[in-house]
């Protein structure tokens, strides 16, 4: 009998993923009340400001020195999919797009031939804490699409499919479907040129909430499918008779029916699966290409062009405290989600 579990890894806050995915970061920060600048109303003493990932007091500044987050930085050759569970993210990029999105929203950004962007976490609440929880997933682009134009897309929480699945005992698992399909439901469309846009690539991204003792079933897809579940919140789950503790990544057979049985506490799982691109991957920092020569070219192009420059007044650009969720696209179109 084929082993349904291929490998189990312990999870930290960042981990490598399986082709066609590249990387996943999990941010879960217990940010305090905000100050007048929308930074932490707390001392920053003892932190490596500009590169703070230590989680002191339950939160990090990351590359921010006033406001937590990631000021202007470039990418080329892949896509970022940012799933926000709690908190606020401010976006701005070198194409002139900008926005604010929050709990339940998903941003899909194709870096393509080159894009600068910010991901800042403004602490808008002065009278209460500002918790933040999100995943950022890097999805590779095949060689033929490494140099497509950058594309910025919002998948708003009001539109992202959420499906309830009951097991034979009536226990419920809730599937937030970011990409792909589940049963008879299809996700919203990803960005153009995404590997996830072709159904034959079987890309699925989902966040699954399981009630205590619920059973959730993944169908068999293909023998070439790369399938990993990241069990990031809860106590334990059982797959193929193996008890798996929280903060584990479980690589599973893609051509087998997989039954996941939850333990006695509510659990959350991130599912990433897809057919591999199967091309060489050479990465260096913010660039993911197919050869070392491509990487050298990326750095040269960035030094020469700045990937379009930076049209914003500061590297850690954020919106006013009172701004609601919205997106402004490079063509000037604006979507307002909060009035």
C-alpha atoms as a PDB file:
ATOM      1  CA  UNK A   1       0.000   0.000   0.000  1.00  0.00           C
ATOM      2  CA  UNK A   2       1.320   3.420  -0.937  1.00  0.00           C
ATOM      3  CA  UNK A   3       2.336   5.710   1.914  1.00  0.00           C
ATOM      4  CA  UNK A   4       0.065   8.736   1.864  1.00  0.00           C
ATOM      5  CA  UNK A   5       2.477  10.787   3.975  1.00  0.00           C
ATOM      6  CA  UNK A   6       5.709  11.572   2.145  1.00  0.00           C
ATOM      7  CA  UNK A   7       7.385  13.800   4.708  1.00  0.00           C
ATOM      8  CA  UNK A   8       6.705  15.783   7.895  1.00  0.00           C
ATOM      9  CA  UNK A   9       8.617  18.968   8.736  1.00  0.00           C
ATOM     10  CA  UNK A  10       8.514  21.280  11.727  1.00  0.00           C
ATOM     11  CA  UNK A  11       7.326  24.792  10.935  1.00  0.00           C
ATOM     12  CA  UNK A  12       8.798  28.089  12.009  1.00  0.00           C
ATOM     13  CA  UNK A  13       7.566  31.481  10.798  1.00  0.00           C
ATOM     14  CA  UNK A  14       9.013  30.969   7.299  1.00  0.00           C
ATOM     15  CA  UNK A  15       9.377  27.818   5.275  1.00  0.00           C
ATOM     16  CA  UNK A  16      10.311  26.532   1.850  1.00  0.00           C
ATOM     17  CA  UNK A  17       7.460  25.126  -0.217  1.00  0.00           C
ATOM     18  CA  UNK A  18       7.108  22.653  -3.085  1.00  0.00           C
ATOM     19  CA  UNK A  19       7.126  23.550  -6.795  1.00  0.00           C
ATOM     20  CA  UNK A  20       5.186  25.505  -8.121  1.00  0.00           C
ATOM     21  CA  UNK A  21       5.322  27.359  -4.801  1.00  0.00           C
ATOM     22  CA  UNK A  22       8.602  28.800  -3.561  1.00  0.00           C
ATOM     23  CA  UNK A  23       8.223  30.111  -0.038  1.00  0.00           C
ATOM     24  CA  UNK A  24       5.684  30.952   2.651  1.00  0.00           C
ATOM     25  CA  UNK A  25       5.917  33.417   5.526  1.00  0.00           C
ATOM     26  CA  UNK A  26       3.484  33.372   8.440  1.00  0.00           C
ATOM     27  CA  UNK A  27       3.180  36.625  10.375  1.00  0.00           C
ATOM     28  CA  UNK A  28       1.320  36.475  13.680  1.00  0.00           C
ATOM     29  CA  UNK A  29       2.084  39.662  15.607  1.00  0.00           C
ATOM     30  CA  UNK A  30       0.465  40.866  18.818  1.00  0.00           C
ATOM     31  CA  UNK A  31       1.090  44.528  18.010  1.00  0.00           C
ATOM     32  CA  UNK A  32       0.274  46.986  20.836  1.00  0.00           C
ATOM     33  CA  UNK A  33      -1.690  50.234  20.604  1.00  0.00           C
ATOM     34  CA  UNK A  34      -0.542  52.635  17.914  1.00  0.00           C
ATOM     35  CA  UNK A  35       1.120  56.004  18.428  1.00  0.00           C
ATOM     36  CA  UNK A  36       0.555  59.234  16.473  1.00  0.00           C
ATOM     37  CA  UNK A  37       2.724  57.928  13.584  1.00  0.00           C
ATOM     38  CA  UNK A  38       0.861  54.584  13.453  1.00  0.00           C
ATOM     39  CA  UNK A  39       3.894  52.819  14.897  1.00  0.00           C
ATOM     40  CA  UNK A  40       3.924  50.902  18.195  1.00  0.00           C
ATOM     41  CA  UNK A  41       3.124  52.928  21.298  1.00  0.00           C
ATOM     42  CA  UNK A  42       5.954  51.066  23.012  1.00  0.00           C
ATOM     43  CA  UNK A  43       9.692  51.245  23.360  1.00  0.00           C
ATOM     44  CA  UNK A  44      11.755  49.918  20.439  1.00  0.00           C
ATOM     45  CA  UNK A  45      14.807  49.463  22.647  1.00  0.00           C
ATOM     46  CA  UNK A  46      16.583  46.138  22.231  1.00  0.00           C
ATOM     47  CA  UNK A  47      15.416  45.632  18.661  1.00  0.00           C
ATOM     48  CA  UNK A  48      17.536  45.474  15.525  1.00  0.00           C
ATOM     49  CA  UNK A  49      15.649  48.304  13.872  1.00  0.00           C
ATOM     50  CA  UNK A  50      15.612  47.917  10.107  1.00  0.00           C
ATOM     51  CA  UNK A  51      15.911  44.138  10.381  1.00  0.00           C
ATOM     52  CA  UNK A  52      13.814  43.084  13.373  1.00  0.00           C
ATOM     53  CA  UNK A  53      12.438  39.547  13.101  1.00  0.00           C
ATOM     54  CA  UNK A  54      13.005  38.425  16.681  1.00  0.00           C
ATOM     55  CA  UNK A  55       9.393  38.592  17.890  1.00  0.00           C
ATOM     56  CA  UNK A  56      10.285  40.455  21.076  1.00  0.00           C
ATOM     57  CA  UNK A  57       7.159  40.944  23.230  1.00  0.00           C
ATOM     58  CA  UNK A  58       5.189  38.993  20.617  1.00  0.00           C
ATOM     59  CA  UNK A  59       5.787  41.246  17.618  1.00  0.00           C
ATOM     60  CA  UNK A  60       8.430  42.394  15.135  1.00  0.00           C
ATOM     61  CA  UNK A  61       9.160  45.630  13.278  1.00  0.00           C
ATOM     62  CA  UNK A  62      10.565  43.664  10.291  1.00  0.00           C
ATOM     63  CA  UNK A  63      12.278  46.220   8.012  1.00  0.00           C
ATOM     64  CA  UNK A  64      10.283  49.169   9.341  1.00  0.00           C
ATOM     65  CA  UNK A  65      11.890  51.738  11.610  1.00  0.00           C
ATOM     66  CA  UNK A  66       8.734  53.745  12.473  1.00  0.00           C
ATOM     67  CA  UNK A  67       5.849  51.574  11.253  1.00  0.00           C
ATOM     68  CA  UNK A  68       6.144  47.764  11.157  1.00  0.00           C
ATOM     69  CA  UNK A  69       6.413  46.138   7.754  1.00  0.00           C
ATOM     70  CA  UNK A  70       8.418  46.027   4.569  1.00  0.00           C
ATOM     71  CA  UNK A  71       9.263  49.393   2.969  1.00  0.00           C
ATOM     72  CA  UNK A  72      10.002  49.732  -0.742  1.00  0.00           C
ATOM     73  CA  UNK A  73      11.699  46.608  -2.154  1.00  0.00           C
ATOM     74  CA  UNK A  74      11.878  44.962  -5.606  1.00  0.00           C
ATOM     75  CA  UNK A  75      10.751  41.611  -6.981  1.00  0.00           C
ATOM     76  CA  UNK A  76      11.129  39.859 -10.334  1.00  0.00           C
ATOM     77  CA  UNK A  77      10.084  36.504 -11.750  1.00  0.00           C
ATOM     78  CA  UNK A  78       7.278  35.308  -9.450  1.00  0.00           C
ATOM     79  CA  UNK A  79       4.003  36.202  -7.723  1.00  0.00           C
ATOM     80  CA  UNK A  80       3.068  36.998  -4.148  1.00  0.00           C
ATOM     81  CA  UNK A  81      -0.281  35.909  -2.703  1.00  0.00           C
ATOM     82  CA  UNK A  82      -0.993  37.621   0.621  1.00  0.00           C
ATOM     83  CA  UNK A  83      -3.840  36.220   2.729  1.00  0.00           C
ATOM     84  CA  UNK A  84      -4.775  38.496   5.634  1.00  0.00           C
ATOM     85  CA  UNK A  85      -6.613  36.883   8.536  1.00  0.00           C
ATOM     86  CA  UNK A  86      -6.440  39.847  10.927  1.00  0.00           C
ATOM     87  CA  UNK A  87      -5.059  43.372  10.811  1.00  0.00           C
ATOM     88  CA  UNK A  88      -4.309  45.928   8.087  1.00  0.00           C
ATOM     89  CA  UNK A  89      -1.804  46.042   5.220  1.00  0.00           C
ATOM     90  CA  UNK A  90      -0.987  49.149   3.161  1.00  0.00           C
ATOM     91  CA  UNK A  91       0.253  48.602  -0.393  1.00  0.00           C
ATOM     92  CA  UNK A  92       1.998  50.890  -2.874  1.00  0.00           C
ATOM     93  CA  UNK A  93       4.013  49.978  -5.961  1.00  0.00           C
ATOM     94  CA  UNK A  94       6.175  51.357  -8.727  1.00  0.00           C
ATOM     95  CA  UNK A  95       3.352  51.168 -11.286  1.00  0.00           C
ATOM     96  CA  UNK A  96       1.360  53.685  -9.270  1.00  0.00           C
ATOM     97  CA  UNK A  97      -1.050  51.190  -7.708  1.00  0.00           C
ATOM     98  CA  UNK A  98      -1.895  51.524  -4.051  1.00  0.00           C
ATOM     99  CA  UNK A  99      -4.434  50.358  -1.498  1.00  0.00           C
ATOM    100  CA  UNK A 100      -5.333  49.222   1.974  1.00  0.00           C
ATOM    101  CA  UNK A 101      -6.654  45.748   2.677  1.00  0.00           C
ATOM    102  CA  UNK A 102      -7.464  43.834   5.826  1.00  0.00           C
ATOM    103  CA  UNK A 103      -8.901  40.821   7.572  1.00  0.00           C
ATOM    104  CA  UNK A 104     -10.291  38.329   5.067  1.00  0.00           C
ATOM    105  CA  UNK A 105      -8.857  40.044   1.981  1.00  0.00           C
ATOM    106  CA  UNK A 106      -6.282  38.559  -0.392  1.00  0.00           C
ATOM    107  CA  UNK A 107      -3.802  40.449  -2.567  1.00  0.00           C
ATOM    108  CA  UNK A 108      -2.417  38.795  -5.702  1.00  0.00           C
ATOM    109  CA  UNK A 109       0.636  40.549  -7.119  1.00  0.00           C
ATOM    110  CA  UNK A 110       2.511  39.409 -10.217  1.00  0.00           C
ATOM    111  CA  UNK A 111       6.006  40.896 -10.109  1.00  0.00           C
ATOM    112  CA  UNK A 112       6.835  39.657 -13.608  1.00  0.00           C
ATOM    113  CA  UNK A 113       9.629  41.675 -15.243  1.00  0.00           C
ATOM    114  CA  UNK A 114      10.048  43.844 -12.166  1.00  0.00           C
ATOM    115  CA  UNK A 115       8.058  45.659  -9.503  1.00  0.00           C
ATOM    116  CA  UNK A 116       8.869  47.679  -6.391  1.00  0.00           C
ATOM    117  CA  UNK A 117       6.283  47.575  -3.655  1.00  0.00           C
ATOM    118  CA  UNK A 118       5.651  48.170   0.024  1.00  0.00           C
ATOM    119  CA  UNK A 119       3.832  46.037   2.572  1.00  0.00           C
ATOM    120  CA  UNK A 120       3.362  48.141   5.688  1.00  0.00           C
ATOM    121  CA  UNK A 121       1.353  47.260   8.792  1.00  0.00           C
ATOM    122  CA  UNK A 122       0.018  50.584  10.172  1.00  0.00           C
ATOM    123  CA  UNK A 123      -1.183  50.383  13.763  1.00  0.00           C
ATOM    124  CA  UNK A 124      -4.363  52.404  13.309  1.00  0.00           C
ATOM    125  CA  UNK A 125      -5.897  51.720  16.737  1.00  0.00           C
ATOM    126  CA  UNK A 126      -4.731  54.107  19.457  1.00  0.00           C
ATOM    127  CA  UNK A 127      -7.142  52.841  22.100  1.00  0.00           C
ATOM    128  CA  UNK A 128      -6.630  49.091  21.701  1.00  0.00           C
ATOM    129  CA  UNK A 129      -4.117  46.539  20.421  1.00  0.00           C
ATOM    130  CA  UNK A 130      -3.481  45.967  16.694  1.00  0.00           C
ATOM    131  CA  UNK A 131      -3.062  42.204  16.148  1.00  0.00           C
ATOM    132  CA  UNK A 132      -1.872  41.084  12.710  1.00  0.00           C
ATOM    133  CA  UNK A 133      -2.073  37.604  11.184  1.00  0.00           C
ATOM    134  CA  UNK A 134      -1.291  36.838   7.553  1.00  0.00           C
ATOM    135  CA  UNK A 135       0.347  34.453   5.112  1.00  0.00           C
ATOM    136  CA  UNK A 136       2.479  35.545   2.212  1.00  0.00           C
ATOM    137  CA  UNK A 137       2.973  32.819  -0.379  1.00  0.00           C
ATOM    138  CA  UNK A 138       5.440  33.042  -3.251  1.00  0.00           C
ATOM    139  CA  UNK A 139       4.171  31.300  -6.396  1.00  0.00           C
ATOM    140  CA  UNK A 140       6.677  30.794  -9.190  1.00  0.00           C
ATOM    141  CA  UNK A 141       6.231  31.874 -12.810  1.00  0.00           C
ATOM    142  CA  UNK A 142       7.417  29.649 -15.671  1.00  0.00           C
ATOM    143  CA  UNK A 143      10.254  30.944 -17.827  1.00  0.00           C
ATOM    144  CA  UNK A 144       7.884  32.061 -20.568  1.00  0.00           C
ATOM    145  CA  UNK A 145       6.133  34.408 -18.126  1.00  0.00           C
ATOM    146  CA  UNK A 146       9.065  35.714 -16.073  1.00  0.00           C
ATOM    147  CA  UNK A 147       8.988  39.014 -17.987  1.00  0.00           C
ATOM    148  CA  UNK A 148       5.261  39.713 -18.185  1.00  0.00           C
ATOM    149  CA  UNK A 149       4.062  43.123 -17.086  1.00  0.00           C
ATOM    150  CA  UNK A 150       3.468  43.464 -13.339  1.00  0.00           C
ATOM    151  CA  UNK A 151      -0.148  43.037 -12.268  1.00  0.00           C
ATOM    152  CA  UNK A 152      -1.892  43.941  -9.004  1.00  0.00           C
ATOM    153  CA  UNK A 153      -5.223  42.380  -8.080  1.00  0.00           C
ATOM    154  CA  UNK A 154      -7.410  42.369  -4.985  1.00  0.00           C
ATOM    155  CA  UNK A 155      -9.600  39.437  -3.971  1.00  0.00           C
ATOM    156  CA  UNK A 156     -11.909  41.091  -1.466  1.00  0.00           C
ATOM    157  CA  UNK A 157     -13.266  39.134   1.485  1.00  0.00           C
ATOM    158  CA  UNK A 158     -16.826  39.787   0.359  1.00  0.00           C
ATOM    159  CA  UNK A 159     -16.107  37.829  -2.828  1.00  0.00           C
ATOM    160  CA  UNK A 160     -13.703  35.043  -1.793  1.00  0.00           C
ATOM    161  CA  UNK A 161     -15.638  31.732  -1.670  1.00  0.00           C
ATOM    162  CA  UNK A 162     -16.094  30.159   1.761  1.00  0.00           C
ATOM    163  CA  UNK A 163     -17.501  26.626   1.719  1.00  0.00           C
ATOM    164  CA  UNK A 164     -18.780  24.572   4.649  1.00  0.00           C
ATOM    165  CA  UNK A 165     -18.169  20.841   4.471  1.00  0.00           C
ATOM    166  CA  UNK A 166     -19.915  18.452   6.872  1.00  0.00           C
ATOM    167  CA  UNK A 167     -18.534  15.013   7.652  1.00  0.00           C
ATOM    168  CA  UNK A 168     -20.696  11.971   8.362  1.00  0.00           C
ATOM    169  CA  UNK A 169     -21.007  13.017  12.030  1.00  0.00           C
ATOM    170  CA  UNK A 170     -22.092  16.530  11.162  1.00  0.00           C
ATOM    171  CA  UNK A 171     -18.773  18.117  12.135  1.00  0.00           C
ATOM    172  CA  UNK A 172     -17.920  21.138  10.001  1.00  0.00           C
ATOM    173  CA  UNK A 173     -14.769  22.127   8.164  1.00  0.00           C
ATOM    174  CA  UNK A 174     -14.828  25.597   6.589  1.00  0.00           C
ATOM    175  CA  UNK A 175     -12.771  26.159   3.431  1.00  0.00           C
ATOM    176  CA  UNK A 176     -11.658  29.650   2.412  1.00  0.00           C
ATOM    177  CA  UNK A 177     -10.846  29.062  -1.253  1.00  0.00           C
ATOM    178  CA  UNK A 178      -8.169  31.437  -2.554  1.00  0.00           C
ATOM    179  CA  UNK A 179      -7.235  29.533  -5.731  1.00  0.00           C
ATOM    180  CA  UNK A 180      -8.482  26.449  -7.534  1.00  0.00           C
ATOM    181  CA  UNK A 181     -11.706  24.591  -6.856  1.00  0.00           C
ATOM    182  CA  UNK A 182     -13.370  22.610  -4.100  1.00  0.00           C
ATOM    183  CA  UNK A 183     -16.327  20.350  -4.855  1.00  0.00           C
ATOM    184  CA  UNK A 184     -18.533  22.437  -7.170  1.00  0.00           C
ATOM    185  CA  UNK A 185     -17.079  25.818  -6.225  1.00  0.00           C
ATOM    186  CA  UNK A 186     -14.382  27.670  -8.138  1.00  0.00           C
ATOM    187  CA  UNK A 187     -12.199  30.410  -6.738  1.00  0.00           C
ATOM    188  CA  UNK A 188     -11.984  33.927  -8.064  1.00  0.00           C
ATOM    189  CA  UNK A 189      -9.618  34.297 -11.007  1.00  0.00           C
ATOM    190  CA  UNK A 190      -5.951  34.845 -10.185  1.00  0.00           C
ATOM    191  CA  UNK A 191      -3.823  37.445 -11.960  1.00  0.00           C
ATOM    192  CA  UNK A 192      -3.313  37.003 -15.716  1.00  0.00           C
ATOM    193  CA  UNK A 193      -0.285  34.854 -16.627  1.00  0.00           C
ATOM    194  CA  UNK A 194      -0.399  33.063 -13.267  1.00  0.00           C
ATOM    195  CA  UNK A 195       0.445  29.349 -13.184  1.00  0.00           C
ATOM    196  CA  UNK A 196      -2.767  29.102 -11.162  1.00  0.00           C
ATOM    197  CA  UNK A 197      -4.819  30.421 -14.082  1.00  0.00           C
ATOM    198  CA  UNK A 198      -4.670  27.174 -16.079  1.00  0.00           C
ATOM    199  CA  UNK A 199      -6.955  24.496 -14.600  1.00  0.00           C
ATOM    200  CA  UNK A 200      -4.683  21.681 -15.772  1.00  0.00           C
ATOM    201  CA  UNK A 201      -2.020  22.937 -13.339  1.00  0.00           C
ATOM    202  CA  UNK A 202      -4.311  21.942 -10.437  1.00  0.00           C
ATOM    203  CA  UNK A 203      -3.221  24.850  -8.248  1.00  0.00           C
ATOM    204  CA  UNK A 204      -5.197  25.125  -5.041  1.00  0.00           C
ATOM    205  CA  UNK A 205      -4.666  27.510  -2.149  1.00  0.00           C
ATOM    206  CA  UNK A 206      -7.052  27.240   0.785  1.00  0.00           C
ATOM    207  CA  UNK A 207      -7.260  28.013   4.481  1.00  0.00           C
ATOM    208  CA  UNK A 208      -9.251  25.307   6.275  1.00  0.00           C
ATOM    209  CA  UNK A 209     -10.833  25.690   9.704  1.00  0.00           C
ATOM    210  CA  UNK A 210     -11.808  22.411  11.360  1.00  0.00           C
ATOM    211  CA  UNK A 211     -14.159  21.933  14.271  1.00  0.00           C
ATOM    212  CA  UNK A 212     -12.963  19.607  17.048  1.00  0.00           C
ATOM    213  CA  UNK A 213     -13.008  15.985  15.811  1.00  0.00           C
ATOM    214  CA  UNK A 214     -14.074  17.019  12.300  1.00  0.00           C
ATOM    215  CA  UNK A 215     -12.937  14.923   9.330  1.00  0.00           C
ATOM    216  CA  UNK A 216     -11.888  16.626   6.090  1.00  0.00           C
ATOM    217  CA  UNK A 217     -11.154  14.752   2.861  1.00  0.00           C
ATOM    218  CA  UNK A 218      -8.823  15.736   0.026  1.00  0.00           C
ATOM    219  CA  UNK A 219      -9.606  13.948  -3.225  1.00  0.00           C
ATOM    220  CA  UNK A 220      -7.012  12.168  -5.339  1.00  0.00           C
ATOM    221  CA  UNK A 221      -5.779  14.459  -8.127  1.00  0.00           C
ATOM    222  CA  UNK A 222      -2.637  13.216  -9.911  1.00  0.00           C
ATOM    223  CA  UNK A 223       0.582  11.306  -9.296  1.00  0.00           C
ATOM    224  CA  UNK A 224       2.623  14.412 -10.180  1.00  0.00           C
ATOM    225  CA  UNK A 225       0.776  16.818  -7.875  1.00  0.00           C
ATOM    226  CA  UNK A 226       2.791  18.437  -5.090  1.00  0.00           C
ATOM    227  CA  UNK A 227       0.514  18.674  -2.057  1.00  0.00           C
ATOM    228  CA  UNK A 228       1.407  20.057   1.357  1.00  0.00           C
ATOM    229  CA  UNK A 229      -0.772  20.928   4.330  1.00  0.00           C
ATOM    230  CA  UNK A 230       0.632  23.358   6.877  1.00  0.00           C
ATOM    231  CA  UNK A 231      -0.951  22.699  10.264  1.00  0.00           C
ATOM    232  CA  UNK A 232      -0.359  26.032  11.982  1.00  0.00           C
ATOM    233  CA  UNK A 233      -2.987  26.363  14.727  1.00  0.00           C
ATOM    234  CA  UNK A 234      -4.583  23.793  17.016  1.00  0.00           C
ATOM    235  CA  UNK A 235      -3.212  20.802  18.937  1.00  0.00           C
ATOM    236  CA  UNK A 236      -3.128  17.659  16.797  1.00  0.00           C
ATOM    237  CA  UNK A 237      -4.523  16.059  13.663  1.00  0.00           C
ATOM    238  CA  UNK A 238      -4.398  12.469  12.380  1.00  0.00           C
ATOM    239  CA  UNK A 239      -3.503  11.585   8.774  1.00  0.00           C
ATOM    240  CA  UNK A 240      -3.229   7.966   7.637  1.00  0.00           C
ATOM    241  CA  UNK A 241      -3.000   6.784  11.249  1.00  0.00           C
ATOM    242  CA  UNK A 242      -0.197   9.211  12.126  1.00  0.00           C
ATOM    243  CA  UNK A 243      -0.744  11.823  14.833  1.00  0.00           C
ATOM    244  CA  UNK A 244       0.714  15.147  13.807  1.00  0.00           C
ATOM    245  CA  UNK A 245       1.312  17.974  16.253  1.00  0.00           C
ATOM    246  CA  UNK A 246       0.701  21.616  15.508  1.00  0.00           C
ATOM    247  CA  UNK A 247       3.339  23.643  13.629  1.00  0.00           C
ATOM    248  CA  UNK A 248       4.007  20.854  11.165  1.00  0.00           C
ATOM    249  CA  UNK A 249       4.147  20.806   7.379  1.00  0.00           C
ATOM    250  CA  UNK A 250       2.968  17.507   5.917  1.00  0.00           C
ATOM    251  CA  UNK A 251       3.846  16.556   2.344  1.00  0.00           C
ATOM    252  CA  UNK A 252       1.153  14.225   0.986  1.00  0.00           C
ATOM    253  CA  UNK A 253       0.645  11.993  -2.043  1.00  0.00           C
ATOM    254  CA  UNK A 254      -1.292  13.813  -4.740  1.00  0.00           C
ATOM    255  CA  UNK A 255      -2.925  10.711  -6.211  1.00  0.00           C
ATOM    256  CA  UNK A 256      -4.375   9.378  -2.961  1.00  0.00           C
ATOM    257  CA  UNK A 257      -7.552  10.233  -1.072  1.00  0.00           C
ATOM    258  CA  UNK A 258      -6.358  11.937   2.104  1.00  0.00           C
ATOM    259  CA  UNK A 259      -8.510  11.912   5.237  1.00  0.00           C
ATOM    260  CA  UNK A 260      -7.579  14.497   7.877  1.00  0.00           C
ATOM    261  CA  UNK A 261      -9.131  13.947  11.295  1.00  0.00           C
ATOM    262  CA  UNK A 262      -8.922  16.794  13.774  1.00  0.00           C
ATOM    263  CA  UNK A 263      -8.149  16.391  17.458  1.00  0.00           C
ATOM    264  CA  UNK A 264     -10.236  17.841  20.264  1.00  0.00           C
ATOM    265  CA  UNK A 265      -9.397  21.508  19.619  1.00  0.00           C
ATOM    266  CA  UNK A 266     -10.318  23.805  16.733  1.00  0.00           C
ATOM    267  CA  UNK A 267      -7.598  23.642  14.083  1.00  0.00           C
ATOM    268  CA  UNK A 268      -6.438  25.686  11.099  1.00  0.00           C
ATOM    269  CA  UNK A 269      -4.591  24.355   8.056  1.00  0.00           C
ATOM    270  CA  UNK A 270      -3.111  26.066   5.013  1.00  0.00           C
ATOM    271  CA  UNK A 271      -3.301  23.882   1.898  1.00  0.00           C
ATOM    272  CA  UNK A 272      -0.900  24.485  -1.008  1.00  0.00           C
ATOM    273  CA  UNK A 273      -0.974  22.136  -3.966  1.00  0.00           C
ATOM    274  CA  UNK A 274      -0.249  22.212  -7.680  1.00  0.00           C
ATOM    275  CA  UNK A 275       1.480  20.590 -10.581  1.00  0.00           C
ATOM    276  CA  UNK A 276       5.192  21.455 -10.641  1.00  0.00           C
ATOM    277  CA  UNK A 277       6.571  23.894 -13.200  1.00  0.00           C
ATOM    278  CA  UNK A 278       9.620  21.662 -13.388  1.00  0.00           C
ATOM    279  CA  UNK A 279      12.167  24.283 -14.437  1.00  0.00           C
ATOM    280  CA  UNK A 280      15.467  25.288 -12.801  1.00  0.00           C
ATOM    281  CA  UNK A 281      15.016  27.754  -9.937  1.00  0.00           C
ATOM    282  CA  UNK A 282      17.803  30.200  -9.137  1.00  0.00           C
ATOM    283  CA  UNK A 283      16.931  32.779  -6.527  1.00  0.00           C
ATOM    284  CA  UNK A 284      18.768  35.566  -4.817  1.00  0.00           C
ATOM    285  CA  UNK A 285      16.909  37.748  -2.370  1.00  0.00           C
ATOM    286  CA  UNK A 286      13.911  39.275  -4.135  1.00  0.00           C
ATOM    287  CA  UNK A 287      14.575  37.752  -7.566  1.00  0.00           C
ATOM    288  CA  UNK A 288      13.577  34.236  -8.715  1.00  0.00           C
ATOM    289  CA  UNK A 289      14.841  33.253 -12.155  1.00  0.00           C
ATOM    290  CA  UNK A 290      16.088  30.217 -14.112  1.00  0.00           C
ATOM    291  CA  UNK A 291      19.847  30.830 -14.153  1.00  0.00           C
ATOM    292  CA  UNK A 292      22.599  32.759 -12.434  1.00  0.00           C
ATOM    293  CA  UNK A 293      22.885  34.905 -15.561  1.00  0.00           C
ATOM    294  CA  UNK A 294      19.218  35.855 -15.122  1.00  0.00           C
ATOM    295  CA  UNK A 295      19.954  36.969 -11.560  1.00  0.00           C
ATOM    296  CA  UNK A 296      22.881  39.122 -12.667  1.00  0.00           C
ATOM    297  CA  UNK A 297      20.635  40.675 -15.318  1.00  0.00           C
ATOM    298  CA  UNK A 298      17.916  41.344 -12.735  1.00  0.00           C
ATOM    299  CA  UNK A 299      20.304  43.279 -10.487  1.00  0.00           C
ATOM    300  CA  UNK A 300      21.649  45.191 -13.483  1.00  0.00           C
ATOM    301  CA  UNK A 301      18.170  46.095 -14.708  1.00  0.00           C
ATOM    302  CA  UNK A 302      17.117  47.190 -11.230  1.00  0.00           C
ATOM    303  CA  UNK A 303      20.164  49.442 -10.837  1.00  0.00           C
ATOM    304  CA  UNK A 304      19.497  50.946 -14.276  1.00  0.00           C
ATOM    305  CA  UNK A 305      15.713  51.321 -14.281  1.00  0.00           C
ATOM    306  CA  UNK A 306      14.597  51.021 -10.677  1.00  0.00           C
ATOM    307  CA  UNK A 307      11.779  48.873 -12.121  1.00  0.00           C
ATOM    308  CA  UNK A 308       9.867  52.049 -12.873  1.00  0.00           C
ATOM    309  CA  UNK A 309      11.102  54.200 -10.008  1.00  0.00           C
ATOM    310  CA  UNK A 310       9.172  55.144  -6.899  1.00  0.00           C
ATOM    311  CA  UNK A 311       6.290  57.647  -7.231  1.00  0.00           C
ATOM    312  CA  UNK A 312       5.575  57.861  -3.491  1.00  0.00           C
ATOM    313  CA  UNK A 313       6.927  60.355  -1.001  1.00  0.00           C
ATOM    314  CA  UNK A 314       8.483  57.865   1.403  1.00  0.00           C
ATOM    315  CA  UNK A 315       9.808  54.304   1.286  1.00  0.00           C
ATOM    316  CA  UNK A 316       7.386  53.188   4.024  1.00  0.00           C
ATOM    317  CA  UNK A 317       4.350  54.863   2.481  1.00  0.00           C
ATOM    318  CA  UNK A 318       1.081  54.424   4.387  1.00  0.00           C
ATOM    319  CA  UNK A 319      -2.406  55.866   4.154  1.00  0.00           C
ATOM    320  CA  UNK A 320      -4.130  58.109   6.711  1.00  0.00           C
ATOM    321  CA  UNK A 321      -5.315  56.419   9.871  1.00  0.00           C
ATOM    322  CA  UNK A 322      -8.996  56.808   9.004  1.00  0.00           C
ATOM    323  CA  UNK A 323      -8.696  55.384   5.481  1.00  0.00           C
ATOM    324  CA  UNK A 324     -10.897  52.350   4.839  1.00  0.00           C
ATOM    325  CA  UNK A 325     -10.158  49.403   2.556  1.00  0.00           C
ATOM    326  CA  UNK A 326      -9.639  50.351  -1.064  1.00  0.00           C
ATOM    327  CA  UNK A 327      -7.537  49.677  -4.139  1.00  0.00           C
ATOM    328  CA  UNK A 328      -6.304  52.125  -6.777  1.00  0.00           C
ATOM    329  CA  UNK A 329      -4.994  50.477  -9.943  1.00  0.00           C
ATOM    330  CA  UNK A 330      -2.375  51.775 -12.401  1.00  0.00           C
ATOM    331  CA  UNK A 331      -5.083  52.833 -14.883  1.00  0.00           C
ATOM    332  CA  UNK A 332      -6.623  55.121 -12.231  1.00  0.00           C
ATOM    333  CA  UNK A 333      -9.578  52.860 -11.414  1.00  0.00           C
ATOM    334  CA  UNK A 334     -10.456  52.930  -7.699  1.00  0.00           C
ATOM    335  CA  UNK A 335     -12.456  50.419  -5.648  1.00  0.00           C
ATOM    336  CA  UNK A 336     -13.705  51.517  -2.216  1.00  0.00           C
ATOM    337  CA  UNK A 337     -14.813  48.685   0.091  1.00  0.00           C
ATOM    338  CA  UNK A 338     -15.388  50.689   3.284  1.00  0.00           C
ATOM    339  CA  UNK A 339     -17.448  53.874   3.114  1.00  0.00           C
END
